[in-house]
PDB file of N, CA and C in Angstrom:
ATOM      1  N   UNK A   1       8.491  -7.826 -39.417  1.00  0.00           N
ATOM      2  CA  UNK A   1       9.621  -7.491 -38.771  1.00  0.00           C
ATOM      3  C   UNK A   1       9.879  -6.091 -38.356  1.00  0.00           C
ATOM      4  N   UNK A   2       9.849  -5.387 -39.114  1.00  0.00           N
ATOM      5  CA  UNK A   2       9.683  -3.808 -38.736  1.00  0.00           C
ATOM      6  C   UNK A   2       8.944  -3.153 -38.021  1.00  0.00           C
ATOM      7  N   UNK A   3       7.769  -3.564 -38.146  1.00  0.00           N
ATOM      8  CA  UNK A   3       6.397  -3.299 -36.940  1.00  0.00           C
ATOM      9  C   UNK A   3       6.529  -3.651 -35.821  1.00  0.00           C
ATOM     10  N   UNK A   4       7.136  -5.075 -35.468  1.00  0.00           N
ATOM     11  CA  UNK A   4       7.469  -5.834 -34.201  1.00  0.00           C
ATOM     12  C   UNK A   4       8.736  -4.771 -33.751  1.00  0.00           C
ATOM     13  N   UNK A   5       9.477  -4.351 -34.269  1.00  0.00           N
ATOM     14  CA  UNK A   5      10.515  -3.771 -33.542  1.00  0.00           C
ATOM     15  C   UNK A   5       9.876  -2.314 -32.941  1.00  0.00           C
ATOM     16  N   UNK A   6       9.233  -1.795 -33.942  1.00  0.00           N
ATOM     17  CA  UNK A   6       8.674  -0.165 -34.023  1.00  0.00           C
ATOM     18  C   UNK A   6       7.626  -0.491 -32.372  1.00  0.00           C
ATOM     19  N   UNK A   7       6.706  -1.716 -32.438  1.00  0.00           N
ATOM     20  CA  UNK A   7       6.365  -1.514 -31.354  1.00  0.00           C
ATOM     21  C   UNK A   7       6.721  -2.021 -29.939  1.00  0.00           C
ATOM     22  N   UNK A   8       7.696  -2.664 -30.267  1.00  0.00           N
ATOM     23  CA  UNK A   8       8.475  -3.059 -28.977  1.00  0.00           C
ATOM     24  C   UNK A   8       9.424  -1.543 -28.295  1.00  0.00           C
ATOM     25  N   UNK A   9       9.597  -0.596 -29.187  1.00  0.00           N
ATOM     26  CA  UNK A   9      10.000   0.426 -29.004  1.00  0.00           C
ATOM     27  C   UNK A   9       9.202   1.264 -28.652  1.00  0.00           C
ATOM     28  N   UNK A  10       7.759   1.759 -28.961  1.00  0.00           N
ATOM     29  CA  UNK A  10       6.899   2.313 -28.916  1.00  0.00           C
ATOM     30  C   UNK A  10       6.576   2.045 -27.366  1.00  0.00           C
ATOM     31  N   UNK A  11       6.508   0.674 -26.526  1.00  0.00           N
ATOM     32  CA  UNK A  11       5.920   0.266 -25.496  1.00  0.00           C
ATOM     33  C   UNK A  11       7.157   0.400 -24.513  1.00  0.00           C
ATOM     34  N   UNK A  12       8.550   0.040 -24.779  1.00  0.00           N
ATOM     35  CA  UNK A  12       9.433   0.573 -23.865  1.00  0.00           C
ATOM     36  C   UNK A  12       9.393   1.637 -23.714  1.00  0.00           C
ATOM     37  N   UNK A  13       9.022   3.003 -24.850  1.00  0.00           N
ATOM     38  CA  UNK A  13       9.352   4.303 -24.244  1.00  0.00           C
ATOM     39  C   UNK A  13       8.048   4.550 -23.344  1.00  0.00           C
ATOM     40  N   UNK A  14       6.890   3.985 -23.146  1.00  0.00           N
ATOM     41  CA  UNK A  14       5.682   4.214 -22.629  1.00  0.00           C
ATOM     42  C   UNK A  14       6.463   4.015 -21.256  1.00  0.00           C
ATOM     43  N   UNK A  15       6.939   2.893 -20.963  1.00  0.00           N
ATOM     44  CA  UNK A  15       7.244   2.305 -19.562  1.00  0.00           C
ATOM     45  C   UNK A  15       8.283   3.108 -19.014  1.00  0.00           C
ATOM     46  N   UNK A  16       9.036   3.335 -19.872  1.00  0.00           N
ATOM     47  CA  UNK A  16      10.236   4.295 -19.346  1.00  0.00           C
ATOM     48  C   UNK A  16       9.706   5.778 -18.982  1.00  0.00           C
ATOM     49  N   UNK A  17       8.930   6.401 -19.689  1.00  0.00           N
ATOM     50  CA  UNK A  17       7.889   7.558 -19.051  1.00  0.00           C
ATOM     51  C   UNK A  17       7.270   7.420 -18.164  1.00  0.00           C
ATOM     52  N   UNK A  18       6.714   6.471 -18.079  1.00  0.00           N
ATOM     53  CA  UNK A  18       5.599   6.014 -16.727  1.00  0.00           C
ATOM     54  C   UNK A  18       6.865   5.919 -15.644  1.00  0.00           C
ATOM     55  N   UNK A  19       7.890   5.350 -15.628  1.00  0.00           N
ATOM     56  CA  UNK A  19       8.647   4.965 -14.331  1.00  0.00           C
ATOM     57  C   UNK A  19       9.455   6.863 -14.383  1.00  0.00           C
ATOM     58  N   UNK A  20       9.411   7.492 -14.762  1.00  0.00           N
ATOM     59  CA  UNK A  20      10.135   9.111 -14.988  1.00  0.00           C
ATOM     60  C   UNK A  20       8.888  10.133 -14.335  1.00  0.00           C
ATOM     61  N   UNK A  21       7.945   9.920 -14.304  1.00  0.00           N
ATOM     62  CA  UNK A  21       6.464  10.363 -14.145  1.00  0.00           C
ATOM     63  C   UNK A  21       6.086  10.084 -12.612  1.00  0.00           C
ATOM     64  N   UNK A  22       6.755   8.993 -12.170  1.00  0.00           N
ATOM     65  CA  UNK A  22       6.034   8.763 -10.632  1.00  0.00           C
ATOM     66  C   UNK A  22       7.018   9.037  -9.567  1.00  0.00           C
ATOM     67  N   UNK A  23       6.595   9.751  -8.784  1.00  0.00           N
ATOM     68  CA  UNK A  23       7.564  10.570  -7.611  1.00  0.00           C
ATOM     69  C   UNK A  23       8.384   9.743  -6.776  1.00  0.00           C
ATOM     70  N   UNK A  24       9.562   9.565  -6.457  1.00  0.00           N
ATOM     71  CA  UNK A  24      10.458   8.974  -5.992  1.00  0.00           C
ATOM     72  C   UNK A  24       9.872   8.962  -4.189  1.00  0.00           C
ATOM     73  N   UNK A  25      10.414   8.239  -3.610  1.00  0.00           N
ATOM     74  CA  UNK A  25      10.084   7.999  -2.232  1.00  0.00           C
ATOM     75  C   UNK A  25      10.212   9.257  -1.404  1.00  0.00           C
ATOM     76  N   UNK A  26      11.499  10.375  -1.626  1.00  0.00           N
ATOM     77  CA  UNK A  26      12.019  11.485  -0.872  1.00  0.00           C
ATOM     78  C   UNK A  26      10.994  12.521  -1.435  1.00  0.00           C
ATOM     79  N   UNK A  27      10.218  12.451  -2.703  1.00  0.00           N
ATOM     80  CA  UNK A  27       9.328  13.495  -2.716  1.00  0.00           C
ATOM     81  C   UNK A  27       8.023  13.416  -2.636  1.00  0.00           C
ATOM     82  N   UNK A  28       7.756  11.946  -2.126  1.00  0.00           N
ATOM     83  CA  UNK A  28       6.601  11.835  -1.619  1.00  0.00           C
ATOM     84  C   UNK A  28       6.710  12.325   0.199  1.00  0.00           C
ATOM     85  N   UNK A  29       7.640  12.216   0.658  1.00  0.00           N
ATOM     86  CA  UNK A  29       8.024  12.671   1.957  1.00  0.00           C
ATOM     87  C   UNK A  29       7.601  14.015   2.489  1.00  0.00           C
ATOM     88  N   UNK A  30       7.894  14.662   1.141  1.00  0.00           N
ATOM     89  CA  UNK A  30       7.890  16.279   1.314  1.00  0.00           C
ATOM     90  C   UNK A  30       6.773  16.907   0.994  1.00  0.00           C
ATOM     91  N   UNK A  31       5.289  15.954   0.775  1.00  0.00           N
ATOM     92  CA  UNK A  31       4.334  16.716   1.182  1.00  0.00           C
ATOM     93  C   UNK A  31       3.849  17.494   2.129  1.00  0.00           C
ATOM     94  N   UNK A  32       2.740  18.440   2.032  1.00  0.00           N
ATOM     95  CA  UNK A  32       2.707  19.363   2.747  1.00  0.00           C
ATOM     96  C   UNK A  32       1.442  18.365   3.653  1.00  0.00           C
ATOM     97  N   UNK A  33       1.483  18.706   5.206  1.00  0.00           N
ATOM     98  CA  UNK A  33       0.206  17.817   5.692  1.00  0.00           C
ATOM     99  C   UNK A  33      -1.123  18.869   5.407  1.00  0.00           C
ATOM    100  N   UNK A  34      -1.434  19.692   4.665  1.00  0.00           N
ATOM    101  CA  UNK A  34      -2.474  20.247   4.415  1.00  0.00           C
ATOM    102  C   UNK A  34      -3.286  19.694   3.107  1.00  0.00           C
ATOM    103  N   UNK A  35      -2.145  18.864   2.320  1.00  0.00           N
ATOM    104  CA  UNK A  35      -2.678  18.514   1.102  1.00  0.00           C
ATOM    105  C   UNK A  35      -2.845  17.133   1.258  1.00  0.00           C
ATOM    106  N   UNK A  36      -2.153  16.477   2.463  1.00  0.00           N
ATOM    107  CA  UNK A  36      -2.304  14.989   2.677  1.00  0.00           C
ATOM    108  C   UNK A  36      -3.841  14.922   3.203  1.00  0.00           C
ATOM    109  N   UNK A  37      -4.036  16.177   4.227  1.00  0.00           N
ATOM    110  CA  UNK A  37      -5.102  16.283   5.225  1.00  0.00           C
ATOM    111  C   UNK A  37      -6.775  15.929   3.756  1.00  0.00           C
ATOM    112  N   UNK A  38      -6.133  17.205   2.783  1.00  0.00           N
ATOM    113  CA  UNK A  38      -7.398  17.454   1.663  1.00  0.00           C
ATOM    114  C   UNK A  38      -7.577  16.057   0.719  1.00  0.00           C
ATOM    115  N   UNK A  39      -6.580  15.151   0.516  1.00  0.00           N
ATOM    116  CA  UNK A  39      -6.426  14.068   0.020  1.00  0.00           C
ATOM    117  C   UNK A  39      -7.141  12.919   0.979  1.00  0.00           C
ATOM    118  N   UNK A  40      -6.994  12.727   2.037  1.00  0.00           N
ATOM    119  CA  UNK A  40      -7.748  12.008   2.579  1.00  0.00           C
ATOM    120  C   UNK A  40      -9.364  12.530   2.662  1.00  0.00           C
ATOM    121  N   UNK A  41      -9.818  13.987   3.066  1.00  0.00           N
ATOM    122  CA  UNK A  41     -10.998  14.054   3.052  1.00  0.00           C
ATOM    123  C   UNK A  41     -11.703  13.484   1.406  1.00  0.00           C
ATOM    124  N   UNK A  42     -10.608  13.916   0.296  1.00  0.00           N
ATOM    125  CA  UNK A  42     -11.464  13.600  -0.650  1.00  0.00           C
ATOM    126  C   UNK A  42     -11.901  12.249  -1.098  1.00  0.00           C
ATOM    127  N   UNK A  43     -10.816  11.359  -0.549  1.00  0.00           N
ATOM    128  CA  UNK A  43     -11.026   9.745  -0.756  1.00  0.00           C
ATOM    129  C   UNK A  43     -12.385  10.015   0.052  1.00  0.00           C
ATOM    130  N   UNK A  44     -12.313  10.345   1.055  1.00  0.00           N
ATOM    131  CA  UNK A  44     -13.635  10.246   2.131  1.00  0.00           C
ATOM    132  C   UNK A  44     -15.044  10.320   1.736  1.00  0.00           C
ATOM    133  N   UNK A  45     -15.282  11.516   1.081  1.00  0.00           N
ATOM    134  CA  UNK A  45     -16.141  11.930   0.789  1.00  0.00           C
ATOM    135  C   UNK A  45     -16.287  11.093  -0.835  1.00  0.00           C
ATOM    136  N   UNK A  46     -15.571  10.364  -1.812  1.00  0.00           N
ATOM    137  CA  UNK A  46     -15.194   9.594  -2.788  1.00  0.00           C
ATOM    138  C   UNK A  46     -16.460   8.359  -2.175  1.00  0.00           C
ATOM    139  N   UNK A  47     -15.937   8.005  -1.358  1.00  0.00           N
ATOM    140  CA  UNK A  47     -16.499   6.646  -0.621  1.00  0.00           C
ATOM    141  C   UNK A  47     -17.329   7.085   0.079  1.00  0.00           C
ATOM    142  N   UNK A  48     -17.989   7.824   0.068  1.00  0.00           N
ATOM    143  CA  UNK A  48     -19.597   7.948   0.923  1.00  0.00           C
ATOM    144  C   UNK A  48     -20.188   8.341  -0.383  1.00  0.00           C
ATOM    145  N   UNK A  49     -19.986   8.759  -0.849  1.00  0.00           N
ATOM    146  CA  UNK A  49     -20.682   8.923  -2.479  1.00  0.00           C
ATOM    147  C   UNK A  49     -21.388   7.524  -2.781  1.00  0.00           C
ATOM    148  N   UNK A  50     -20.182   7.013  -3.009  1.00  0.00           N
ATOM    149  CA  UNK A  50     -20.871   5.747  -3.862  1.00  0.00           C
ATOM    150  C   UNK A  50     -21.521   4.895  -2.834  1.00  0.00           C
ATOM    151  N   UNK A  51     -21.133   5.112  -1.004  1.00  0.00           N
ATOM    152  CA  UNK A  51     -22.128   3.859  -0.567  1.00  0.00           C
ATOM    153  C   UNK A  51     -23.255   4.969  -0.788  1.00  0.00           C
ATOM    154  N   UNK A  52     -23.589   6.117  -0.663  1.00  0.00           N
ATOM    155  CA  UNK A  52     -24.963   6.814  -0.563  1.00  0.00           C
ATOM    156  C   UNK A  52     -25.636   6.253  -2.268  1.00  0.00           C
ATOM    157  N   UNK A  53     -24.933   5.976  -2.944  1.00  0.00           N
ATOM    158  CA  UNK A  53     -25.154   5.639  -4.206  1.00  0.00           C
ATOM    159  C   UNK A  53     -26.046   4.572  -4.508  1.00  0.00           C
ATOM    160  N   UNK A  54     -25.276   3.777  -3.824  1.00  0.00           N
ATOM    161  CA  UNK A  54     -25.464   2.391  -3.543  1.00  0.00           C
ATOM    162  C   UNK A  54     -26.791   2.012  -2.690  1.00  0.00           C
ATOM    163  N   UNK A  55     -26.493   2.768  -1.745  1.00  0.00           N
ATOM    164  CA  UNK A  55     -27.902   2.816  -0.784  1.00  0.00           C
ATOM    165  C   UNK A  55     -29.454   3.175  -1.426  1.00  0.00           C
ATOM    166  N   UNK A  56     -29.363   4.350  -2.074  1.00  0.00           N
ATOM    167  CA  UNK A  56     -30.226   4.971  -2.742  1.00  0.00           C
ATOM    168  C   UNK A  56     -31.144   3.737  -4.379  1.00  0.00           C
ATOM    169  N   UNK A  57     -29.989   2.873  -4.927  1.00  0.00           N
ATOM    170  CA  UNK A  57     -30.216   2.124  -5.870  1.00  0.00           C
ATOM    171  C   UNK A  57     -31.060   1.132  -5.610  1.00  0.00           C
ATOM    172  N   UNK A  58     -30.409   0.581  -3.957  1.00  0.00           N
ATOM    173  CA  UNK A  58     -31.163  -0.558  -3.367  1.00  0.00           C
ATOM    174  C   UNK A  58     -32.528   0.022  -2.791  1.00  0.00           C
ATOM    175  N   UNK A  59     -32.789   0.853  -2.646  1.00  0.00           N
ATOM    176  CA  UNK A  59     -34.339   1.795  -2.372  1.00  0.00           C
ATOM    177  C   UNK A  59     -35.050   1.474  -3.419  1.00  0.00           C
ATOM    178  N   UNK A  60     -34.453   1.819  -4.561  1.00  0.00           N
ATOM    179  CA  UNK A  60     -34.988   1.924  -5.698  1.00  0.00           C
ATOM    180  C   UNK A  60     -35.867   0.991  -6.318  1.00  0.00           C
ATOM    181  N   UNK A  61     -34.917  -0.235  -5.743  1.00  0.00           N
ATOM    182  CA  UNK A  61     -35.304  -1.737  -6.526  1.00  0.00           C
ATOM    183  C   UNK A  61     -36.173  -1.825  -5.469  1.00  0.00           C
ATOM    184  N   UNK A  62     -36.091  -2.045  -4.207  1.00  0.00           N
ATOM    185  CA  UNK A  62     -37.252  -2.352  -3.235  1.00  0.00           C
ATOM    186  C   UNK A  62     -38.125  -1.504  -4.048  1.00  0.00           C
ATOM    187  N   UNK A  63     -38.480  -0.351  -4.019  1.00  0.00           N
ATOM    188  CA  UNK A  63     -39.772   0.536  -4.621  1.00  0.00           C
ATOM    189  C   UNK A  63     -40.329  -0.139  -5.279  1.00  0.00           C
ATOM    190  N   UNK A  64     -39.565  -0.420  -6.786  1.00  0.00           N
ATOM    191  CA  UNK A  64     -39.862  -0.972  -7.659  1.00  0.00           C
ATOM    192  C   UNK A  64     -40.730  -2.417  -8.023  1.00  0.00           C
ATOM    193  N   UNK A  65     -40.105  -2.777  -6.986  1.00  0.00           N
ATOM    194  CA  UNK A  65     -40.772  -4.210  -7.093  1.00  0.00           C
ATOM    195  C   UNK A  65     -41.684  -4.551  -5.756  1.00  0.00           C
ATOM    196  N   UNK A  66     -42.108  -3.839  -5.103  1.00  0.00           N
ATOM    197  CA  UNK A  66     -42.557  -3.481  -3.528  1.00  0.00           C
ATOM    198  C   UNK A  66     -44.248  -3.972  -4.334  1.00  0.00           C
ATOM    199  N   UNK A  67     -44.608  -3.852  -5.163  1.00  0.00           N
ATOM    200  CA  UNK A  67     -46.092  -3.995  -5.706  1.00  0.00           C
ATOM    201  C   UNK A  67     -46.607  -5.927  -5.861  1.00  0.00           C
ATOM    202  N   UNK A  68     -45.083  -6.447  -6.328  1.00  0.00           N
ATOM    203  CA  UNK A  68     -44.980  -7.756  -6.326  1.00  0.00           C
ATOM    204  C   UNK A  68     -44.379  -8.965  -6.029  1.00  0.00           C
ATOM    205  N   UNK A  69     -43.532  -8.266  -4.726  1.00  0.00           N
ATOM    206  CA  UNK A  69     -42.691  -9.226  -4.299  1.00  0.00           C
ATOM    207  C   UNK A  69     -42.188  -8.223  -2.707  1.00  0.00           C
ATOM    208  N   UNK A  70     -42.057  -9.592  -1.680  1.00  0.00           N
ATOM    209  CA  UNK A  70     -41.235  -8.937  -0.573  1.00  0.00           C
ATOM    210  C   UNK A  70     -39.807  -9.036  -0.471  1.00  0.00           C
ATOM    211  N   UNK A  71     -39.048  -7.957  -0.434  1.00  0.00           N
ATOM    212  CA  UNK A  71     -37.660  -8.295  -0.614  1.00  0.00           C
ATOM    213  C   UNK A  71     -37.078  -7.531   0.227  1.00  0.00           C
ATOM    214  N   UNK A  72     -35.803  -8.097   0.803  1.00  0.00           N
ATOM    215  CA  UNK A  72     -35.342  -8.016   1.973  1.00  0.00           C
ATOM    216  C   UNK A  72     -33.561  -8.271   1.764  1.00  0.00           C
ATOM    217  N   UNK A  73     -32.909  -7.470   2.314  1.00  0.00           N
ATOM    218  CA  UNK A  73     -31.439  -7.597   1.859  1.00  0.00           C
ATOM    219  C   UNK A  73     -30.904  -8.231   3.300  1.00  0.00           C
ATOM    220  N   UNK A  74     -29.980  -9.319   3.217  1.00  0.00           N
ATOM    221  CA  UNK A  74     -29.323  -9.884   4.334  1.00  0.00           C
ATOM    222  C   UNK A  74     -27.988 -10.039   4.331  1.00  0.00           C
ATOM    223  N   UNK A  75     -27.385 -10.363   5.245  1.00  0.00           N
ATOM    224  CA  UNK A  75     -25.709 -10.335   5.314  1.00  0.00           C
ATOM    225  C   UNK A  75     -25.412 -11.765   6.097  1.00  0.00           C
ATOM    226  N   UNK A  76     -24.920 -12.476   5.506  1.00  0.00           N
ATOM    227  CA  UNK A  76     -24.479 -13.853   6.135  1.00  0.00           C
ATOM    228  C   UNK A  76     -22.899 -13.867   6.206  1.00  0.00           C
ATOM    229  N   UNK A  77     -22.524 -14.695   7.050  1.00  0.00           N
ATOM    230  CA  UNK A  77     -21.108 -15.154   7.460  1.00  0.00           C
ATOM    231  C   UNK A  77     -20.912 -16.503   6.409  1.00  0.00           C
ATOM    232  N   UNK A  78     -19.456 -16.553   6.060  1.00  0.00           N
ATOM    233  CA  UNK A  78     -19.074 -17.799   5.321  1.00  0.00           C
ATOM    234  C   UNK A  78     -17.914 -18.293   6.422  1.00  0.00           C
ATOM    235  N   UNK A  79     -17.224 -19.538   5.788  1.00  0.00           N
ATOM    236  CA  UNK A  79     -16.037 -19.986   6.513  1.00  0.00           C
ATOM    237  C   UNK A  79     -14.723 -18.566   6.325  1.00  0.00           C
ATOM    238  N   UNK A  80     -13.781 -18.721   7.346  1.00  0.00           N
ATOM    239  CA  UNK A  80     -12.772 -18.027   7.364  1.00  0.00           C
ATOM    240  C   UNK A  80     -12.270 -18.399   5.945  1.00  0.00           C
ATOM    241  N   UNK A  81     -11.385 -18.039   5.160  1.00  0.00           N
ATOM    242  CA  UNK A  81     -10.415 -17.896   3.931  1.00  0.00           C
ATOM    243  C   UNK A  81      -9.375 -19.334   4.312  1.00  0.00           C
ATOM    244  N   UNK A  82      -9.607 -20.654   3.388  1.00  0.00           N
ATOM    245  CA  UNK A  82      -8.916 -21.587   3.454  1.00  0.00           C
ATOM    246  C   UNK A  82      -7.393 -21.610   3.678  1.00  0.00           C
ATOM    247  N   UNK A  83      -6.958 -20.555   2.844  1.00  0.00           N
ATOM    248  CA  UNK A  83      -5.205 -20.189   2.913  1.00  0.00           C
ATOM    249  C   UNK A  83      -5.620 -19.164   3.243  1.00  0.00           C
ATOM    250  N   UNK A  84      -4.702 -18.758   4.849  1.00  0.00           N
ATOM    251  CA  UNK A  84      -4.250 -17.213   4.939  1.00  0.00           C
ATOM    252  C   UNK A  84      -2.828 -17.502   4.679  1.00  0.00           C
ATOM    253  N   UNK A  85      -2.440 -15.937   4.091  1.00  0.00           N
ATOM    254  CA  UNK A  85      -1.119 -15.851   3.620  1.00  0.00           C
ATOM    255  C   UNK A  85      -0.282 -15.021   4.804  1.00  0.00           C
ATOM    256  N   UNK A  86      -0.792 -14.618   5.772  1.00  0.00           N
ATOM    257  CA  UNK A  86      -0.226 -14.175   6.785  1.00  0.00           C
ATOM    258  C   UNK A  86      -1.132 -14.646   8.181  1.00  0.00           C
ATOM    259  N   UNK A  87      -0.757 -15.456   8.744  1.00  0.00           N
ATOM    260  CA  UNK A  87      -2.203 -15.738   9.671  1.00  0.00           C
ATOM    261  C   UNK A  87      -1.968 -15.273  10.948  1.00  0.00           C
ATOM    262  N   UNK A  88      -0.420 -14.217  11.401  1.00  0.00           N
ATOM    263  CA  UNK A  88      -0.548 -13.431  12.317  1.00  0.00           C
ATOM    264  C   UNK A  88      -0.811 -12.184  12.206  1.00  0.00           C
ATOM    265  N   UNK A  89      -1.293 -12.053  10.895  1.00  0.00           N
ATOM    266  CA  UNK A  89      -1.503 -10.503  10.359  1.00  0.00           C
ATOM    267  C   UNK A  89      -3.085 -10.165  11.160  1.00  0.00           C
ATOM    268  N   UNK A  90      -3.412  -8.588  11.104  1.00  0.00           N
ATOM    269  CA  UNK A  90      -4.761  -8.053  11.634  1.00  0.00           C
ATOM    270  C   UNK A  90      -6.046  -8.759  10.520  1.00  0.00           C
ATOM    271  N   UNK A  91      -6.827  -9.560  11.515  1.00  0.00           N
ATOM    272  CA  UNK A  91      -8.052  -9.608  10.685  1.00  0.00           C
ATOM    273  C   UNK A  91      -7.853 -10.835   9.762  1.00  0.00           C
ATOM    274  N   UNK A  92      -6.488 -11.791  10.548  1.00  0.00           N
ATOM    275  CA  UNK A  92      -6.346 -12.900  10.104  1.00  0.00           C
ATOM    276  C   UNK A  92      -7.598 -13.950  10.608  1.00  0.00           C
ATOM    277  N   UNK A  93      -7.959 -14.434   9.941  1.00  0.00           N
ATOM    278  CA  UNK A  93      -9.015 -15.361  10.459  1.00  0.00           C
ATOM    279  C   UNK A  93     -10.705 -15.401  10.535  1.00  0.00           C
ATOM    280  N   UNK A  94     -10.888 -14.031  10.089  1.00  0.00           N
ATOM    281  CA  UNK A  94     -12.241 -13.842  10.098  1.00  0.00           C
ATOM    282  C   UNK A  94     -12.940 -14.313   9.035  1.00  0.00           C
ATOM    283  N   UNK A  95     -14.286 -14.327   9.489  1.00  0.00           N
ATOM    284  CA  UNK A  95     -15.116 -14.854   8.279  1.00  0.00           C
ATOM    285  C   UNK A  95     -15.268 -14.235   7.379  1.00  0.00           C
ATOM    286  N   UNK A  96     -15.863 -14.450   6.319  1.00  0.00           N
ATOM    287  CA  UNK A  96     -15.984 -13.655   4.838  1.00  0.00           C
ATOM    288  C   UNK A  96     -17.753 -13.361   5.303  1.00  0.00           C
ATOM    289  N   UNK A  97     -17.827 -11.863   5.014  1.00  0.00           N
ATOM    290  CA  UNK A  97     -19.088 -11.435   5.089  1.00  0.00           C
ATOM    291  C   UNK A  97     -19.821 -11.646   3.435  1.00  0.00           C
ATOM    292  N   UNK A  98     -20.826 -11.735   3.772  1.00  0.00           N
ATOM    293  CA  UNK A  98     -21.513 -11.923   1.926  1.00  0.00           C
ATOM    294  C   UNK A  98     -23.081 -11.290   2.285  1.00  0.00           C
ATOM    295  N   UNK A  99     -23.188 -10.554   1.344  1.00  0.00           N
ATOM    296  CA  UNK A  99     -24.725  -9.547   1.285  1.00  0.00           C
ATOM    297  C   UNK A  99     -25.517 -10.612  -0.166  1.00  0.00           C
ATOM    298  N   UNK A 100     -26.667 -10.446   0.433  1.00  0.00           N
ATOM    299  CA  UNK A 100     -27.198 -11.443  -0.508  1.00  0.00           C
ATOM    300  C   UNK A 100     -28.839 -10.441  -0.539  1.00  0.00           C
ATOM    301  N   UNK A 101     -29.497 -10.175  -1.434  1.00  0.00           N
ATOM    302  CA  UNK A 101     -31.277 -10.181  -1.631  1.00  0.00           C
ATOM    303  C   UNK A 101     -32.297 -11.470  -1.004  1.00  0.00           C
ATOM    304  N   UNK A 102     -32.888 -11.284  -0.970  1.00  0.00           N
ATOM    305  CA  UNK A 102     -33.876 -12.291  -0.847  1.00  0.00           C
ATOM    306  C   UNK A 102     -35.369 -12.094  -1.430  1.00  0.00           C
ATOM    307  N   UNK A 103     -35.993 -12.714  -2.404  1.00  0.00           N
ATOM    308  CA  UNK A 103     -36.976 -12.200  -3.081  1.00  0.00           C
ATOM    309  C   UNK A 103     -37.899 -13.070  -2.606  1.00  0.00           C
ATOM    310  N   UNK A 104     -39.345 -12.885  -2.388  1.00  0.00           N
ATOM    311  CA  UNK A 104     -40.403 -14.241  -2.065  1.00  0.00           C
ATOM    312  C   UNK A 104     -41.251 -12.961  -3.018  1.00  0.00           C
ATOM    313  N   UNK A 105     -42.394 -13.446  -4.080  1.00  0.00           N
ATOM    314  CA  UNK A 105     -43.413 -12.654  -4.400  1.00  0.00           C
ATOM    315  C   UNK A 105     -44.448 -12.819  -3.664  1.00  0.00           C
ATOM    316  N   UNK A 106     -45.236 -12.147  -4.045  1.00  0.00           N
ATOM    317  CA  UNK A 106     -46.153 -11.816  -2.819  1.00  0.00           C
ATOM    318  C   UNK A 106     -47.446 -12.600  -2.944  1.00  0.00           C
ATOM    319  N   UNK A 107     -47.343 -13.471  -4.142  1.00  0.00           N
ATOM    320  CA  UNK A 107     -48.247 -14.409  -4.774  1.00  0.00           C
ATOM    321  C   UNK A 107     -48.113 -16.289  -3.585  1.00  0.00           C
ATOM    322  N   UNK A 108     -47.171 -15.905  -3.416  1.00  0.00           N
ATOM    323  CA  UNK A 108     -46.912 -17.012  -2.500  1.00  0.00           C
ATOM    324  C   UNK A 108     -46.845 -17.406  -0.821  1.00  0.00           C
ATOM    325  N   UNK A 109     -46.685 -15.689  -0.801  1.00  0.00           N
ATOM    326  CA  UNK A 109     -46.924 -15.598   0.955  1.00  0.00           C
ATOM    327  C   UNK A 109     -48.000 -15.022   1.003  1.00  0.00           C
TER     328      UNK A 109
END
C-alpha cells in the first residue's frame, strides 16, 4: 500500500511540474518574429533532411537489387476515407495516396 501511495505521489508530481513548465498562451504570443522565423526554417530543414534521407535510401535499394530485379516505386490512389469527421473541411474527400514498390525478378522478364 505504501508503494502505491509513493508511486501515485510521484506521478502527480511529474504531471504538476509538466503543467508549470508549459508556457501560457500569453507567453507564446510575445515571441520574437525572428525566433519564429528561425523555428520555421529549422522545421523546414528537418523535413528536407528526412526527405533526402528517404530518397537516398530508395536509390541504395534500387542499386543493390539492380542485378537481380527490376524495381520501381509507384503511387496509386485509394478511395477517400469512409468516415469524414469534418466534411466541409479543407481536403475532405480527397483520396488516399499509397506508395508501393514493384519487384520483378529479372529471371522472369
